[in-house]
Amino acid sequence: RNDMASWLVQSGCLYFIAWGTDCEAWHDTV
């Protein structure tokens, strides 16, 4: 999740919507 959050932020993600398994953890990680 940490690696994916870094990839998302570095590639320009400016709005992140999490749904599904551990979605709150995904949100917090970003």
PDB file of all heavy atoms in Angstrom:
ATOM      1  N   ARG A   1       0.841  -1.205   0.000  1.00  0.00           N
ATOM      2  CA  ARG A   1       0.000   0.000   0.000  1.00  0.00           C
ATOM      3  C   ARG A   1       0.876   1.255   0.000  1.00  0.00           C
ATOM      4  O   ARG A   1       0.591   2.220  -0.699  1.00  0.00           O
ATOM      5  CB  ARG A   1      -0.964   0.014   1.195  1.00  0.00           C
ATOM      6  CG  ARG A   1      -2.238  -0.754   0.956  1.00  0.00           C
ATOM      7  CD  ARG A   1      -3.328  -0.417   1.972  1.00  0.00           C
ATOM      8  NE  ARG A   1      -2.944  -0.660   3.345  1.00  0.00           N
ATOM      9  CZ  ARG A   1      -3.087  -1.817   3.971  1.00  0.00           C
ATOM     10  NH1 ARG A   1      -3.619  -2.867   3.354  1.00  0.00           N
ATOM     11  NH2 ARG A   1      -2.715  -1.944   5.236  1.00  0.00           N
ATOM     12  N   ASN A   2       1.960   1.227   0.792  1.00  0.00           N
ATOM     13  CA  ASN A   2       2.881   2.361   0.809  1.00  0.00           C
ATOM     14  C   ASN A   2       3.475   2.606  -0.572  1.00  0.00           C
ATOM     15  O   ASN A   2       3.532   3.754  -1.046  1.00  0.00           O
ATOM     16  CB  ASN A   2       4.017   2.136   1.813  1.00  0.00           C
ATOM     17  CG  ASN A   2       3.557   2.125   3.249  1.00  0.00           C
ATOM     18  OD1 ASN A   2       2.474   2.604   3.579  1.00  0.00           O
ATOM     19  ND2 ASN A   2       4.382   1.548   4.111  1.00  0.00           N
ATOM     20  N   ASP A   3       3.921   1.540  -1.215  1.00  0.00           N
ATOM     21  CA  ASP A   3       4.500   1.666  -2.560  1.00  0.00           C
ATOM     22  C   ASP A   3       3.474   2.206  -3.557  1.00  0.00           C
ATOM     23  O   ASP A   3       3.783   3.067  -4.390  1.00  0.00           O
ATOM     24  CB  ASP A   3       5.033   0.319  -3.059  1.00  0.00           C
ATOM     25  CG  ASP A   3       6.247  -0.164  -2.286  1.00  0.00           C
ATOM     26  OD1 ASP A   3       6.878   0.647  -1.562  1.00  0.00           O
ATOM     27  OD2 ASP A   3       6.566  -1.364  -2.403  1.00  0.00           O
ATOM     28  N   MET A   4       2.254   1.697  -3.471  1.00  0.00           N
ATOM     29  CA  MET A   4       1.203   2.147  -4.380  1.00  0.00           C
ATOM     30  C   MET A   4       0.833   3.607  -4.130  1.00  0.00           C
ATOM     31  O   MET A   4       0.613   4.370  -5.073  1.00  0.00           O
ATOM     32  CB  MET A   4      -0.033   1.258  -4.244  1.00  0.00           C
ATOM     33  CG  MET A   4       0.157  -0.149  -4.775  1.00  0.00           C
ATOM     34  SD  MET A   4       0.528  -0.163  -6.541  1.00  0.00           S
ATOM     35  CE  MET A   4      -0.953   0.599  -7.170  1.00  0.00           C
ATOM     36  N   ALA A   5       0.769   4.002  -2.877  1.00  0.00           N
ATOM     37  CA  ALA A   5       0.451   5.399  -2.564  1.00  0.00           C
ATOM     38  C   ALA A   5       1.543   6.320  -3.111  1.00  0.00           C
ATOM     39  O   ALA A   5       1.235   7.380  -3.671  1.00  0.00           O
ATOM     40  CB  ALA A   5       0.287   5.575  -1.058  1.00  0.00           C
ATOM     41  N   SER A   6       2.787   5.927  -2.982  1.00  0.00           N
ATOM     42  CA  SER A   6       3.884   6.724  -3.548  1.00  0.00           C
ATOM     43  C   SER A   6       3.751   6.828  -5.057  1.00  0.00           C
ATOM     44  O   SER A   6       3.923   7.906  -5.635  1.00  0.00           O
ATOM     45  CB  SER A   6       5.241   6.102  -3.187  1.00  0.00           C
ATOM     46  OG  SER A   6       5.465   6.205  -1.804  1.00  0.00           O
ATOM     47  N   TRP A   7       3.434   5.721  -5.717  1.00  0.00           N
ATOM     48  CA  TRP A   7       3.236   5.721  -7.172  1.00  0.00           C
ATOM     49  C   TRP A   7       2.097   6.659  -7.555  1.00  0.00           C
ATOM     50  O   TRP A   7       2.230   7.453  -8.492  1.00  0.00           O
ATOM     51  CB  TRP A   7       2.960   4.290  -7.642  1.00  0.00           C
ATOM     52  CG  TRP A   7       2.510   4.164  -9.055  1.00  0.00           C
ATOM     53  CD1 TRP A   7       3.283   4.331 -10.183  1.00  0.00           C
ATOM     54  CD2 TRP A   7       1.209   3.835  -9.514  1.00  0.00           C
ATOM     55  NE1 TRP A   7       2.518   4.128 -11.309  1.00  0.00           N
ATOM     56  CE2 TRP A   7       1.244   3.814 -10.928  1.00  0.00           C
ATOM     57  CE3 TRP A   7       0.007   3.537  -8.879  1.00  0.00           C
ATOM     58  CZ2 TRP A   7       0.116   3.513 -11.706  1.00  0.00           C
ATOM     59  CZ3 TRP A   7      -1.100   3.233  -9.640  1.00  0.00           C
ATOM     60  CH2 TRP A   7      -1.034   3.234 -11.031  1.00  0.00           C
ATOM     61  N   LEU A   8       0.990   6.585  -6.839  1.00  0.00           N
ATOM     62  CA  LEU A   8      -0.149   7.443  -7.139  1.00  0.00           C
ATOM     63  C   LEU A   8       0.215   8.920  -7.002  1.00  0.00           C
ATOM     64  O   LEU A   8      -0.028   9.718  -7.908  1.00  0.00           O
ATOM     65  CB  LEU A   8      -1.327   7.105  -6.221  1.00  0.00           C
ATOM     66  CG  LEU A   8      -2.040   5.796  -6.508  1.00  0.00           C
ATOM     67  CD1 LEU A   8      -2.822   5.328  -5.283  1.00  0.00           C
ATOM     68  CD2 LEU A   8      -2.956   5.933  -7.713  1.00  0.00           C
ATOM     69  N   VAL A   9       0.809   9.279  -5.877  1.00  0.00           N
ATOM     70  CA  VAL A   9       1.135  10.682  -5.617  1.00  0.00           C
ATOM     71  C   VAL A   9       2.192  11.179  -6.609  1.00  0.00           C
ATOM     72  O   VAL A   9       2.055  12.265  -7.180  1.00  0.00           O
ATOM     73  CB  VAL A   9       1.574  10.871  -4.155  1.00  0.00           C
ATOM     74  CG1 VAL A   9       2.120  12.271  -3.912  1.00  0.00           C
ATOM     75  CG2 VAL A   9       0.410  10.570  -3.213  1.00  0.00           C
ATOM     76  N   GLN A  10       3.221  10.393  -6.850  1.00  0.00           N
ATOM     77  CA  GLN A  10       4.285  10.811  -7.766  1.00  0.00           C
ATOM     78  C   GLN A  10       3.800  10.929  -9.206  1.00  0.00           C
ATOM     79  O   GLN A  10       4.321  11.736  -9.973  1.00  0.00           O
ATOM     80  CB  GLN A  10       5.466   9.856  -7.680  1.00  0.00           C
ATOM     81  CG  GLN A  10       6.208   9.962  -6.369  1.00  0.00           C
ATOM     82  CD  GLN A  10       7.254   8.885  -6.190  1.00  0.00           C
ATOM     83  OE1 GLN A  10       7.556   8.108  -7.093  1.00  0.00           O
ATOM     84  NE2 GLN A  10       7.819   8.821  -4.992  1.00  0.00           N
ATOM     85  N   SER A  11       2.791  10.155  -9.574  1.00  0.00           N
ATOM     86  CA  SER A  11       2.295  10.210 -10.961  1.00  0.00           C
ATOM     87  C   SER A  11       1.230  11.294 -11.145  1.00  0.00           C
ATOM     88  O   SER A  11       0.732  11.480 -12.246  1.00  0.00           O
ATOM     89  CB  SER A  11       1.767   8.841 -11.401  1.00  0.00           C
ATOM     90  OG  SER A  11       0.642   8.465 -10.628  1.00  0.00           O
ATOM     91  N   GLY A  12       0.866  12.004 -10.074  1.00  0.00           N
ATOM     92  CA  GLY A  12      -0.011  13.156 -10.220  1.00  0.00           C
ATOM     93  C   GLY A  12      -1.411  13.024  -9.670  1.00  0.00           C
ATOM     94  O   GLY A  12      -2.244  13.906  -9.884  1.00  0.00           O
ATOM     95  N   CYS A  13      -1.710  11.952  -8.949  1.00  0.00           N
ATOM     96  CA  CYS A  13      -3.044  11.802  -8.369  1.00  0.00           C
ATOM     97  C   CYS A  13      -3.310  12.955  -7.404  1.00  0.00           C
ATOM     98  O   CYS A  13      -2.544  13.177  -6.475  1.00  0.00           O
ATOM     99  CB  CYS A  13      -3.158  10.468  -7.639  1.00  0.00           C
ATOM    100  SG  CYS A  13      -4.735  10.237  -6.800  1.00  0.00           S
ATOM    101  N   LEU A  14      -4.407  13.679  -7.647  1.00  0.00           N
ATOM    102  CA  LEU A  14      -4.782  14.796  -6.784  1.00  0.00           C
ATOM    103  C   LEU A  14      -6.126  14.581  -6.103  1.00  0.00           C
ATOM    104  O   LEU A  14      -6.559  15.415  -5.313  1.00  0.00           O
ATOM    105  CB  LEU A  14      -4.794  16.102  -7.577  1.00  0.00           C
ATOM    106  CG  LEU A  14      -3.423  16.592  -8.034  1.00  0.00           C
ATOM    107  CD1 LEU A  14      -3.565  17.849  -8.873  1.00  0.00           C
ATOM    108  CD2 LEU A  14      -2.492  16.829  -6.856  1.00  0.00           C
ATOM    109  N   TYR A  15      -6.793  13.493  -6.446  1.00  0.00           N
ATOM    110  CA  TYR A  15      -8.026  13.119  -5.741  1.00  0.00           C
ATOM    111  C   TYR A  15      -8.049  11.603  -5.710  1.00  0.00           C
ATOM    112  O   TYR A  15      -8.008  10.955  -6.754  1.00  0.00           O
ATOM    113  CB  TYR A  15      -9.269  13.650  -6.456  1.00  0.00           C
ATOM    114  CG  TYR A  15     -10.443  13.831  -5.504  1.00  0.00           C
ATOM    115  CD1 TYR A  15     -10.975  15.085  -5.265  1.00  0.00           C
ATOM    116  CD2 TYR A  15     -11.001  12.744  -4.833  1.00  0.00           C
ATOM    117  CE1 TYR A  15     -12.037  15.258  -4.386  1.00  0.00           C
ATOM    118  CE2 TYR A  15     -12.052  12.914  -3.948  1.00  0.00           C
ATOM    119  CZ  TYR A  15     -12.566  14.175  -3.731  1.00  0.00           C
ATOM    120  OH  TYR A  15     -13.604  14.335  -2.855  1.00  0.00           O
ATOM    121  N   PHE A  16      -8.093  11.031  -4.510  1.00  0.00           N
ATOM    122  CA  PHE A  16      -8.032   9.586  -4.338  1.00  0.00           C
ATOM    123  C   PHE A  16      -9.308   9.097  -3.674  1.00  0.00           C
ATOM    124  O   PHE A  16      -9.658   9.544  -2.583  1.00  0.00           O
ATOM    125  CB  PHE A  16      -6.818   9.207  -3.483  1.00  0.00           C
ATOM    126  CG  PHE A  16      -6.702   7.739  -3.222  1.00  0.00           C
ATOM    127  CD1 PHE A  16      -6.275   6.874  -4.213  1.00  0.00           C
ATOM    128  CD2 PHE A  16      -7.025   7.203  -1.981  1.00  0.00           C
ATOM    129  CE1 PHE A  16      -6.168   5.508  -3.979  1.00  0.00           C
ATOM    130  CE2 PHE A  16      -6.926   5.854  -1.728  1.00  0.00           C
ATOM    131  CZ  PHE A  16      -6.500   4.998  -2.735  1.00  0.00           C
ATOM    132  N   ILE A  17      -9.997   8.181  -4.336  1.00  0.00           N
ATOM    133  CA  ILE A  17     -11.254   7.605  -3.858  1.00  0.00           C
ATOM    134  C   ILE A  17     -10.997   6.121  -3.607  1.00  0.00           C
ATOM    135  O   ILE A  17     -10.619   5.393  -4.528  1.00  0.00           O
ATOM    136  CB  ILE A  17     -12.356   7.788  -4.909  1.00  0.00           C
ATOM    137  CG1 ILE A  17     -12.581   9.277  -5.162  1.00  0.00           C
ATOM    138  CG2 ILE A  17     -13.640   7.079  -4.504  1.00  0.00           C
ATOM    139  CD1 ILE A  17     -13.025   9.593  -6.545  1.00  0.00           C
ATOM    140  N   ALA A  18     -11.189   5.682  -2.379  1.00  0.00           N
ATOM    141  CA  ALA A  18     -10.939   4.282  -2.032  1.00  0.00           C
ATOM    142  C   ALA A  18     -12.251   3.564  -1.791  1.00  0.00           C
ATOM    143  O   ALA A  18     -13.128   4.064  -1.084  1.00  0.00           O
ATOM    144  CB  ALA A  18     -10.054   4.206  -0.792  1.00  0.00           C
ATOM    145  N   TRP A  19     -12.359   2.365  -2.364  1.00  0.00           N
ATOM    146  CA  TRP A  19     -13.536   1.525  -2.176  1.00  0.00           C
ATOM    147  C   TRP A  19     -13.074   0.079  -2.068  1.00  0.00           C
ATOM    148  O   TRP A  19     -12.165  -0.365  -2.758  1.00  0.00           O
ATOM    149  CB  TRP A  19     -14.498   1.663  -3.365  1.00  0.00           C
ATOM    150  CG  TRP A  19     -15.742   0.843  -3.187  1.00  0.00           C
ATOM    151  CD1 TRP A  19     -16.897   1.236  -2.594  1.00  0.00           C
ATOM    152  CD2 TRP A  19     -15.941  -0.511  -3.586  1.00  0.00           C
ATOM    153  NE1 TRP A  19     -17.803   0.203  -2.591  1.00  0.00           N
ATOM    154  CE2 TRP A  19     -17.248  -0.884  -3.198  1.00  0.00           C
ATOM    155  CE3 TRP A  19     -15.143  -1.459  -4.222  1.00  0.00           C
ATOM    156  CZ2 TRP A  19     -17.759  -2.149  -3.426  1.00  0.00           C
ATOM    157  CZ3 TRP A  19     -15.651  -2.729  -4.449  1.00  0.00           C
ATOM    158  CH2 TRP A  19     -16.965  -3.057  -4.068  1.00  0.00           C
ATOM    159  N   GLY A  20     -13.711  -0.680  -1.190  1.00  0.00           N
ATOM    160  CA  GLY A  20     -13.445  -2.118  -1.105  1.00  0.00           C
ATOM    161  C   GLY A  20     -12.626  -2.489   0.116  1.00  0.00           C
ATOM    162  O   GLY A  20     -12.650  -1.809   1.144  1.00  0.00           O
ATOM    163  N   THR A  21     -11.888  -3.558  -0.008  1.00  0.00           N
ATOM    164  CA  THR A  21     -11.106  -4.131   1.080  1.00  0.00           C
ATOM    165  C   THR A  21     -10.109  -3.114   1.630  1.00  0.00           C
ATOM    166  O   THR A  21      -9.321  -2.550   0.873  1.00  0.00           O
ATOM    167  CB  THR A  21     -10.357  -5.388   0.585  1.00  0.00           C
ATOM    168  OG1 THR A  21     -11.300  -6.302   0.029  1.00  0.00           O
ATOM    169  CG2 THR A  21      -9.602  -6.062   1.721  1.00  0.00           C
ATOM    170  N   ASP A  22     -10.175  -2.891   2.926  1.00  0.00           N
ATOM    171  CA  ASP A  22      -9.250  -1.984   3.623  1.00  0.00           C
ATOM    172  C   ASP A  22      -9.247  -0.576   3.030  1.00  0.00           C
ATOM    173  O   ASP A  22      -8.218   0.101   3.026  1.00  0.00           O
ATOM    174  CB  ASP A  22      -7.823  -2.543   3.623  1.00  0.00           C
ATOM    175  CG  ASP A  22      -7.687  -3.819   4.436  1.00  0.00           C
ATOM    176  OD1 ASP A  22      -8.433  -3.971   5.432  1.00  0.00           O
ATOM    177  OD2 ASP A  22      -6.843  -4.664   4.082  1.00  0.00           O
ATOM    178  N   CYS A  23     -10.417  -0.117   2.565  1.00  0.00           N
ATOM    179  CA  CYS A  23     -10.433   1.194   1.903  1.00  0.00           C
ATOM    180  C   CYS A  23     -10.018   2.326   2.838  1.00  0.00           C
ATOM    181  O   CYS A  23      -9.382   3.285   2.392  1.00  0.00           O
ATOM    182  CB  CYS A  23     -11.760   1.462   1.213  1.00  0.00           C
ATOM    183  SG  CYS A  23     -13.188   1.613   2.284  1.00  0.00           S
ATOM    184  N   GLU A  24     -10.325   2.220   4.119  1.00  0.00           N
ATOM    185  CA  GLU A  24      -9.883   3.276   5.040  1.00  0.00           C
ATOM    186  C   GLU A  24      -8.361   3.263   5.180  1.00  0.00           C
ATOM    187  O   GLU A  24      -7.725   4.320   5.239  1.00  0.00           O
ATOM    188  CB  GLU A  24     -10.540   3.119   6.404  1.00  0.00           C
ATOM    189  CG  GLU A  24     -10.228   4.271   7.334  1.00  0.00           C
ATOM    190  CD  GLU A  24     -10.969   4.200   8.665  1.00  0.00           C
ATOM    191  OE1 GLU A  24     -11.773   3.273   8.881  1.00  0.00           O
ATOM    192  OE2 GLU A  24     -10.727   5.095   9.491  1.00  0.00           O
ATOM    193  N   ALA A  25      -7.759   2.085   5.187  1.00  0.00           N
ATOM    194  CA  ALA A  25      -6.296   1.986   5.255  1.00  0.00           C
ATOM    195  C   ALA A  25      -5.661   2.567   3.992  1.00  0.00           C
ATOM    196  O   ALA A  25      -4.632   3.253   4.067  1.00  0.00           O
ATOM    197  CB  ALA A  25      -5.869   0.534   5.455  1.00  0.00           C
ATOM    198  N   TRP A  26      -6.269   2.313   2.837  1.00  0.00           N
ATOM    199  CA  TRP A  26      -5.767   2.916   1.587  1.00  0.00           C
ATOM    200  C   TRP A  26      -5.818   4.436   1.691  1.00  0.00           C
ATOM    201  O   TRP A  26      -4.858   5.136   1.349  1.00  0.00           O
ATOM    202  CB  TRP A  26      -6.591   2.439   0.396  1.00  0.00           C
ATOM    203  CG  TRP A  26      -6.199   1.098  -0.117  1.00  0.00           C
ATOM    204  CD1 TRP A  26      -6.840  -0.078   0.085  1.00  0.00           C
ATOM    205  CD2 TRP A  26      -5.059   0.788  -0.925  1.00  0.00           C
ATOM    206  NE1 TRP A  26      -6.177  -1.100  -0.551  1.00  0.00           N
ATOM    207  CE2 TRP A  26      -5.084  -0.593  -1.180  1.00  0.00           C
ATOM    208  CE3 TRP A  26      -4.025   1.553  -1.465  1.00  0.00           C
ATOM    209  CZ2 TRP A  26      -4.111  -1.223  -1.946  1.00  0.00           C
ATOM    210  CZ3 TRP A  26      -3.049   0.924  -2.227  1.00  0.00           C
ATOM    211  CH2 TRP A  26      -3.103  -0.450  -2.452  1.00  0.00           C
ATOM    212  N   HIS A  27      -6.953   4.955   2.137  1.00  0.00           N
ATOM    213  CA  HIS A  27      -7.144   6.391   2.303  1.00  0.00           C
ATOM    214  C   HIS A  27      -6.061   6.977   3.215  1.00  0.00           C
ATOM    215  O   HIS A  27      -5.401   7.971   2.875  1.00  0.00           O
ATOM    216  CB  HIS A  27      -8.547   6.615   2.888  1.00  0.00           C
ATOM    217  CG  HIS A  27      -8.803   7.957   3.442  1.00  0.00           C
ATOM    218  ND1 HIS A  27      -8.471   8.297   4.742  1.00  0.00           N
ATOM    219  CD2 HIS A  27      -9.367   9.051   2.900  1.00  0.00           C
ATOM    220  CE1 HIS A  27      -8.820   9.553   4.964  1.00  0.00           C
ATOM    221  NE2 HIS A  27      -9.370  10.031   3.868  1.00  0.00           N
ATOM    222  N   ASP A  28      -5.872   6.364   4.377  1.00  0.00           N
ATOM    223  CA  ASP A  28      -4.892   6.856   5.332  1.00  0.00           C
ATOM    224  C   ASP A  28      -3.470   6.793   4.771  1.00  0.00           C
ATOM    225  O   ASP A  28      -2.660   7.697   5.007  1.00  0.00           O
ATOM    226  CB  ASP A  28      -4.959   6.062   6.636  1.00  0.00           C
ATOM    227  CG  ASP A  28      -6.258   6.288   7.392  1.00  0.00           C
ATOM    228  OD1 ASP A  28      -7.007   7.235   7.053  1.00  0.00           O
ATOM    229  OD2 ASP A  28      -6.538   5.504   8.326  1.00  0.00           O
ATOM    230  N   THR A  29      -3.168   5.753   4.029  1.00  0.00           N
ATOM    231  CA  THR A  29      -1.834   5.595   3.463  1.00  0.00           C
ATOM    232  C   THR A  29      -1.529   6.706   2.465  1.00  0.00           C
ATOM    233  O   THR A  29      -0.423   7.259   2.455  1.00  0.00           O
ATOM    234  CB  THR A  29      -1.681   4.209   2.811  1.00  0.00           C
ATOM    235  OG1 THR A  29      -1.921   3.200   3.808  1.00  0.00           O
ATOM    236  CG2 THR A  29      -0.293   4.008   2.227  1.00  0.00           C
ATOM    237  N   VAL A  30      -2.494   7.041   1.627  1.00  0.00           N
ATOM    238  CA  VAL A  30      -2.281   8.150   0.685  1.00  0.00           C
ATOM    239  C   VAL A  30      -2.094   9.452   1.460  1.00  0.00           C
ATOM    240  O   VAL A  30      -1.192  10.249   1.152  1.00  0.00           O
ATOM    241  CB  VAL A  30      -3.431   8.238  -0.343  1.00  0.00           C
ATOM    242  CG1 VAL A  30      -3.330   9.517  -1.168  1.00  0.00           C
ATOM    243  CG2 VAL A  30      -3.412   7.017  -1.263  1.00  0.00           C
TER     244      VAL A  30
END
